[in-house]
């Protein structure tokens, strides 16, 4: 997971993790604008580590295909 976060940081993004409604939420923001994430995703049940890695990878691929 560290390499995924480093990849986002090198591109000028930040990653925020939070709990909302009992579910983990991942947000990718540009710079420090937490009010307007460029990508966000709520995770369901399952293995948190693998779910986060899969989700981050998917979000990164989408950002690479469609830069914000």
PDB file of N, CA and C in Angstrom:
ATOM      1  N   UNK A   1       0.837  -1.187   0.000  1.00  0.00           N
ATOM      2  CA  UNK A   1       0.000   0.000   0.000  1.00  0.00           C
ATOM      3  C   UNK A   1       0.879   1.246   0.000  1.00  0.00           C
ATOM      4  N   UNK A   2       2.030   1.163   0.641  1.00  0.00           N
ATOM      5  CA  UNK A   2       2.918   2.322   0.709  1.00  0.00           C
ATOM      6  C   UNK A   2       3.297   2.819  -0.686  1.00  0.00           C
ATOM      7  N   UNK A   3       3.595   1.883  -1.597  1.00  0.00           N
ATOM      8  CA  UNK A   3       3.992   2.295  -2.945  1.00  0.00           C
ATOM      9  C   UNK A   3       2.867   3.001  -3.687  1.00  0.00           C
ATOM     10  N   UNK A   4       1.629   2.599  -3.435  1.00  0.00           N
ATOM     11  CA  UNK A   4       0.480   3.263  -4.066  1.00  0.00           C
ATOM     12  C   UNK A   4       0.333   4.694  -3.546  1.00  0.00           C
ATOM     13  N   UNK A   5       0.477   4.855  -2.244  1.00  0.00           N
ATOM     14  CA  UNK A   5       0.366   6.202  -1.652  1.00  0.00           C
ATOM     15  C   UNK A   5       1.517   7.080  -2.137  1.00  0.00           C
ATOM     16  N   UNK A   6       2.727   6.535  -2.207  1.00  0.00           N
ATOM     17  CA  UNK A   6       3.869   7.297  -2.713  1.00  0.00           C
ATOM     18  C   UNK A   6       3.638   7.738  -4.157  1.00  0.00           C
ATOM     19  N   UNK A   7       3.059   6.857  -4.960  1.00  0.00           N
ATOM     20  CA  UNK A   7       2.764   7.189  -6.359  1.00  0.00           C
ATOM     21  C   UNK A   7       1.809   8.376  -6.438  1.00  0.00           C
ATOM     22  N   UNK A   8       0.778   8.365  -5.590  1.00  0.00           N
ATOM     23  CA  UNK A   8      -0.168   9.486  -5.570  1.00  0.00           C
ATOM     24  C   UNK A   8       0.499  10.769  -5.091  1.00  0.00           C
ATOM     25  N   UNK A   9       1.328  10.674  -4.058  1.00  0.00           N
ATOM     26  CA  UNK A   9       2.014  11.854  -3.536  1.00  0.00           C
ATOM     27  C   UNK A   9       2.925  12.473  -4.594  1.00  0.00           C
ATOM     28  N   UNK A  10       3.605  11.645  -5.369  1.00  0.00           N
ATOM     29  CA  UNK A  10       4.485  12.149  -6.425  1.00  0.00           C
ATOM     30  C   UNK A  10       3.710  12.890  -7.507  1.00  0.00           C
ATOM     31  N   UNK A  11       2.437  12.550  -7.672  1.00  0.00           N
ATOM     32  CA  UNK A  11       1.591  13.210  -8.671  1.00  0.00           C
ATOM     33  C   UNK A  11       0.865  14.423  -8.102  1.00  0.00           C
ATOM     34  N   UNK A  12       1.121  14.767  -6.826  1.00  0.00           N
ATOM     35  CA  UNK A  12       0.511  15.947  -6.228  1.00  0.00           C
ATOM     36  C   UNK A  12      -0.811  15.700  -5.527  1.00  0.00           C
ATOM     37  N   UNK A  13      -1.144  14.432  -5.295  1.00  0.00           N
ATOM     38  CA  UNK A  13      -2.384  14.080  -4.617  1.00  0.00           C
ATOM     39  C   UNK A  13      -2.101  13.713  -3.159  1.00  0.00           C
ATOM     40  N   UNK A  14      -3.134  13.754  -2.351  1.00  0.00           N
ATOM     41  CA  UNK A  14      -3.082  13.270  -0.971  1.00  0.00           C
ATOM     42  C   UNK A  14      -4.192  12.247  -0.796  1.00  0.00           C
ATOM     43  N   UNK A  15      -4.005  11.355   0.164  1.00  0.00           N
ATOM     44  CA  UNK A  15      -4.995  10.312   0.435  1.00  0.00           C
ATOM     45  C   UNK A  15      -5.516  10.506   1.852  1.00  0.00           C
ATOM     46  N   UNK A  16      -6.838  10.531   1.995  1.00  0.00           N
ATOM     47  CA  UNK A  16      -7.471  10.655   3.305  1.00  0.00           C
ATOM     48  C   UNK A  16      -8.284   9.400   3.581  1.00  0.00           C
ATOM     49  N   UNK A  17      -8.171   8.890   4.792  1.00  0.00           N
ATOM     50  CA  UNK A  17      -8.961   7.747   5.236  1.00  0.00           C
ATOM     51  C   UNK A  17      -9.862   8.215   6.368  1.00  0.00           C
ATOM     52  N   UNK A  18     -11.124   7.791   6.356  1.00  0.00           N
ATOM     53  CA  UNK A  18     -12.042   8.151   7.438  1.00  0.00           C
ATOM     54  C   UNK A  18     -13.087   7.059   7.593  1.00  0.00           C
ATOM     55  N   UNK A  19     -13.871   7.158   8.667  1.00  0.00           N
ATOM     56  CA  UNK A  19     -14.988   6.251   8.900  1.00  0.00           C
ATOM     57  C   UNK A  19     -16.255   7.081   8.824  1.00  0.00           C
ATOM     58  N   UNK A  20     -17.191   6.641   8.014  1.00  0.00           N
ATOM     59  CA  UNK A  20     -18.470   7.334   7.884  1.00  0.00           C
ATOM     60  C   UNK A  20     -19.586   6.301   7.844  1.00  0.00           C
ATOM     61  N   UNK A  21     -20.526   6.418   8.734  1.00  0.00           N
ATOM     62  CA  UNK A  21     -21.628   5.472   8.782  1.00  0.00           C
ATOM     63  C   UNK A  21     -21.168   4.051   9.066  1.00  0.00           C
ATOM     64  N   UNK A  22     -20.054   3.905   9.762  1.00  0.00           N
ATOM     65  CA  UNK A  22     -19.526   2.593  10.090  1.00  0.00           C
ATOM     66  C   UNK A  22     -18.705   1.942   8.988  1.00  0.00           C
ATOM     67  N   UNK A  23     -18.465   2.654   7.879  1.00  0.00           N
ATOM     68  CA  UNK A  23     -17.688   2.104   6.772  1.00  0.00           C
ATOM     69  C   UNK A  23     -16.459   2.962   6.517  1.00  0.00           C
ATOM     70  N   UNK A  24     -15.340   2.326   6.180  1.00  0.00           N
ATOM     71  CA  UNK A  24     -14.154   3.101   5.821  1.00  0.00           C
ATOM     72  C   UNK A  24     -14.346   3.791   4.477  1.00  0.00           C
ATOM     73  N   UNK A  25     -13.840   5.012   4.391  1.00  0.00           N
ATOM     74  CA  UNK A  25     -13.936   5.810   3.163  1.00  0.00           C
ATOM     75  C   UNK A  25     -12.531   6.266   2.788  1.00  0.00           C
ATOM     76  N   UNK A  26     -12.225   6.160   1.505  1.00  0.00           N
ATOM     77  CA  UNK A  26     -10.955   6.644   0.963  1.00  0.00           C
ATOM     78  C   UNK A  26     -11.262   7.829   0.062  1.00  0.00           C
ATOM     79  N   UNK A  27     -10.493   8.907   0.236  1.00  0.00           N
ATOM     80  CA  UNK A  27     -10.627  10.074  -0.633  1.00  0.00           C
ATOM     81  C   UNK A  27      -9.257  10.444  -1.159  1.00  0.00           C
ATOM     82  N   UNK A  28      -9.199  10.761  -2.440  1.00  0.00           N
ATOM     83  CA  UNK A  28      -7.982  11.289  -3.042  1.00  0.00           C
ATOM     84  C   UNK A  28      -8.253  12.754  -3.335  1.00  0.00           C
ATOM     85  N   UNK A  29      -7.375  13.606  -2.829  1.00  0.00           N
ATOM     86  CA  UNK A  29      -7.550  15.046  -3.030  1.00  0.00           C
ATOM     87  C   UNK A  29      -6.330  15.612  -3.747  1.00  0.00           C
ATOM     88  N   UNK A  30      -6.535  16.711  -4.417  1.00  0.00           N
ATOM     89  CA  UNK A  30      -5.446  17.430  -5.075  1.00  0.00           C
ATOM     90  C   UNK A  30      -5.005  18.534  -4.139  1.00  0.00           C
ATOM     91  N   UNK A  31      -3.744  18.570  -3.788  1.00  0.00           N
ATOM     92  CA  UNK A  31      -3.239  19.583  -2.869  1.00  0.00           C
ATOM     93  C   UNK A  31      -3.830  19.401  -1.486  1.00  0.00           C
ATOM     94  N   UNK A  32      -4.496  20.447  -0.983  1.00  0.00           N
ATOM     95  CA  UNK A  32      -5.076  20.404   0.361  1.00  0.00           C
ATOM     96  C   UNK A  32      -6.586  20.618   0.354  1.00  0.00           C
ATOM     97  N   UNK A  33      -7.211  20.528  -0.806  1.00  0.00           N
ATOM     98  CA  UNK A  33      -8.641  20.799  -0.927  1.00  0.00           C
ATOM     99  C   UNK A  33      -9.474  19.564  -0.553  1.00  0.00           C
ATOM    100  N   UNK A  34      -9.618  19.322   0.744  1.00  0.00           N
ATOM    101  CA  UNK A  34     -10.358  18.152   1.236  1.00  0.00           C
ATOM    102  C   UNK A  34     -11.858  18.259   0.986  1.00  0.00           C
ATOM    103  N   UNK A  35     -12.356  19.462   0.739  1.00  0.00           N
ATOM    104  CA  UNK A  35     -13.783  19.652   0.493  1.00  0.00           C
ATOM    105  C   UNK A  35     -14.220  19.141  -0.872  1.00  0.00           C
ATOM    106  N   UNK A  36     -13.266  19.034  -1.802  1.00  0.00           N
ATOM    107  CA  UNK A  36     -13.582  18.618  -3.165  1.00  0.00           C
ATOM    108  C   UNK A  36     -12.627  17.508  -3.621  1.00  0.00           C
ATOM    109  N   UNK A  37     -12.858  16.279  -3.154  1.00  0.00           N
ATOM    110  CA  UNK A  37     -11.972  15.185  -3.572  1.00  0.00           C
ATOM    111  C   UNK A  37     -12.104  14.899  -5.071  1.00  0.00           C
ATOM    112  N   UNK A  38     -10.999  14.489  -5.682  1.00  0.00           N
ATOM    113  CA  UNK A  38     -11.055  14.129  -7.104  1.00  0.00           C
ATOM    114  C   UNK A  38     -11.597  12.711  -7.264  1.00  0.00           C
ATOM    115  N   UNK A  39     -11.419  11.872  -6.248  1.00  0.00           N
ATOM    116  CA  UNK A  39     -11.964  10.516  -6.227  1.00  0.00           C
ATOM    117  C   UNK A  39     -12.299  10.156  -4.785  1.00  0.00           C
ATOM    118  N   UNK A  40     -13.365   9.391  -4.601  1.00  0.00           N
ATOM    119  CA  UNK A  40     -13.687   8.877  -3.272  1.00  0.00           C
ATOM    120  C   UNK A  40     -14.399   7.546  -3.419  1.00  0.00           C
ATOM    121  N   UNK A  41     -14.264   6.718  -2.390  1.00  0.00           N
ATOM    122  CA  UNK A  41     -14.869   5.398  -2.435  1.00  0.00           C
ATOM    123  C   UNK A  41     -15.122   4.910  -1.018  1.00  0.00           C
ATOM    124  N   UNK A  42     -16.268   4.322  -0.799  1.00  0.00           N
ATOM    125  CA  UNK A  42     -16.612   3.700   0.476  1.00  0.00           C
ATOM    126  C   UNK A  42     -16.361   2.203   0.348  1.00  0.00           C
ATOM    127  N   UNK A  43     -15.726   1.621   1.353  1.00  0.00           N
ATOM    128  CA  UNK A  43     -15.413   0.197   1.322  1.00  0.00           C
ATOM    129  C   UNK A  43     -16.451  -0.591   2.101  1.00  0.00           C
ATOM    130  N   UNK A  44     -16.750  -1.767   1.643  1.00  0.00           N
ATOM    131  CA  UNK A  44     -17.676  -2.654   2.355  1.00  0.00           C
ATOM    132  C   UNK A  44     -16.910  -3.541   3.314  1.00  0.00           C
ATOM    133  N   UNK A  45     -17.522  -4.636   3.677  1.00  0.00           N
ATOM    134  CA  UNK A  45     -16.857  -5.559   4.587  1.00  0.00           C
ATOM    135  C   UNK A  45     -15.817  -6.367   3.828  1.00  0.00           C
ATOM    136  N   UNK A  46     -14.929  -7.002   4.550  1.00  0.00           N
ATOM    137  CA  UNK A  46     -13.878  -7.804   3.939  1.00  0.00           C
ATOM    138  C   UNK A  46     -12.544  -7.466   4.558  1.00  0.00           C
ATOM    139  N   UNK A  47     -11.495  -7.976   3.965  1.00  0.00           N
ATOM    140  CA  UNK A  47     -10.149  -7.711   4.455  1.00  0.00           C
ATOM    141  C   UNK A  47      -9.766  -6.275   4.111  1.00  0.00           C
ATOM    142  N   UNK A  48      -9.620  -5.438   5.124  1.00  0.00           N
ATOM    143  CA  UNK A  48      -9.393  -4.012   4.914  1.00  0.00           C
ATOM    144  C   UNK A  48      -8.151  -3.762   4.061  1.00  0.00           C
ATOM    145  N   UNK A  49      -7.052  -4.426   4.383  1.00  0.00           N
ATOM    146  CA  UNK A  49      -5.804  -4.155   3.667  1.00  0.00           C
ATOM    147  C   UNK A  49      -5.928  -4.452   2.184  1.00  0.00           C
ATOM    148  N   UNK A  50      -6.432  -5.619   1.821  1.00  0.00           N
ATOM    149  CA  UNK A  50      -6.536  -5.941   0.397  1.00  0.00           C
ATOM    150  C   UNK A  50      -7.587  -5.075  -0.288  1.00  0.00           C
ATOM    151  N   UNK A  51      -8.672  -4.760   0.422  1.00  0.00           N
ATOM    152  CA  UNK A  51      -9.702  -3.898  -0.161  1.00  0.00           C
ATOM    153  C   UNK A  51      -9.143  -2.502  -0.439  1.00  0.00           C
ATOM    154  N   UNK A  52      -8.360  -1.965   0.487  1.00  0.00           N
ATOM    155  CA  UNK A  52      -7.770  -0.636   0.303  1.00  0.00           C
ATOM    156  C   UNK A  52      -6.795  -0.658  -0.864  1.00  0.00           C
ATOM    157  N   UNK A  53      -5.936  -1.662  -0.927  1.00  0.00           N
ATOM    158  CA  UNK A  53      -4.964  -1.736  -2.013  1.00  0.00           C
ATOM    159  C   UNK A  53      -5.648  -1.856  -3.370  1.00  0.00           C
ATOM    160  N   UNK A  54      -6.637  -2.724  -3.461  1.00  0.00           N
ATOM    161  CA  UNK A  54      -7.360  -2.879  -4.730  1.00  0.00           C
ATOM    162  C   UNK A  54      -8.075  -1.588  -5.121  1.00  0.00           C
ATOM    163  N   UNK A  55      -8.689  -0.946  -4.143  1.00  0.00           N
ATOM    164  CA  UNK A  55      -9.427   0.284  -4.410  1.00  0.00           C
ATOM    165  C   UNK A  55      -8.492   1.409  -4.819  1.00  0.00           C
ATOM    166  N   UNK A  56      -7.381   1.575  -4.095  1.00  0.00           N
ATOM    167  CA  UNK A  56      -6.417   2.620  -4.450  1.00  0.00           C
ATOM    168  C   UNK A  56      -5.862   2.388  -5.859  1.00  0.00           C
ATOM    169  N   UNK A  57      -5.526   1.144  -6.171  1.00  0.00           N
ATOM    170  CA  UNK A  57      -5.000   0.841  -7.506  1.00  0.00           C
ATOM    171  C   UNK A  57      -6.014   1.209  -8.581  1.00  0.00           C
ATOM    172  N   UNK A  58      -7.262   0.872  -8.353  1.00  0.00           N
ATOM    173  CA  UNK A  58      -8.321   1.209  -9.308  1.00  0.00           C
ATOM    174  C   UNK A  58      -8.480   2.717  -9.449  1.00  0.00           C
ATOM    175  N   UNK A  59      -8.432   3.434  -8.340  1.00  0.00           N
ATOM    176  CA  UNK A  59      -8.571   4.889  -8.369  1.00  0.00           C
ATOM    177  C   UNK A  59      -7.399   5.534  -9.103  1.00  0.00           C
ATOM    178  N   UNK A  60      -6.186   5.003  -8.892  1.00  0.00           N
ATOM    179  CA  UNK A  60      -5.003   5.531  -9.577  1.00  0.00           C
ATOM    180  C   UNK A  60      -5.119   5.311 -11.078  1.00  0.00           C
ATOM    181  N   UNK A  61      -5.514   4.114 -11.480  1.00  0.00           N
ATOM    182  CA  UNK A  61      -5.679   3.835 -12.909  1.00  0.00           C
ATOM    183  C   UNK A  61      -6.696   4.769 -13.543  1.00  0.00           C
ATOM    184  N   UNK A  62      -7.791   5.028 -12.830  1.00  0.00           N
ATOM    185  CA  UNK A  62      -8.806   5.935 -13.350  1.00  0.00           C
ATOM    186  C   UNK A  62      -8.256   7.356 -13.473  1.00  0.00           C
ATOM    187  N   UNK A  63      -7.474   7.797 -12.488  1.00  0.00           N
ATOM    188  CA  UNK A  63      -6.873   9.135 -12.560  1.00  0.00           C
ATOM    189  C   UNK A  63      -5.882   9.223 -13.716  1.00  0.00           C
ATOM    190  N   UNK A  64      -5.141   8.146 -13.970  1.00  0.00           N
ATOM    191  CA  UNK A  64      -4.182   8.163 -15.070  1.00  0.00           C
ATOM    192  C   UNK A  64      -4.902   8.215 -16.417  1.00  0.00           C
ATOM    193  N   UNK A  65      -6.038   7.559 -16.508  1.00  0.00           N
ATOM    194  CA  UNK A  65      -6.809   7.565 -17.755  1.00  0.00           C
ATOM    195  C   UNK A  65      -7.541   8.883 -17.960  1.00  0.00           C
ATOM    196  N   UNK A  66      -8.003   9.465 -16.864  1.00  0.00           N
ATOM    197  CA  UNK A  66      -8.789  10.705 -16.909  1.00  0.00           C
ATOM    198  C   UNK A  66      -8.232  11.703 -15.897  1.00  0.00           C
ATOM    199  N   UNK A  67      -7.102  12.350 -16.205  1.00  0.00           N
ATOM    200  CA  UNK A  67      -6.490  13.295 -15.257  1.00  0.00           C
ATOM    201  C   UNK A  67      -7.451  14.418 -14.868  1.00  0.00           C
ATOM    202  N   UNK A  68      -7.376  14.826 -13.640  1.00  0.00           N
ATOM    203  CA  UNK A  68      -8.231  15.899 -13.120  1.00  0.00           C
ATOM    204  C   UNK A  68      -7.503  17.225 -13.226  1.00  0.00           C
TER     205      UNK A  68
END
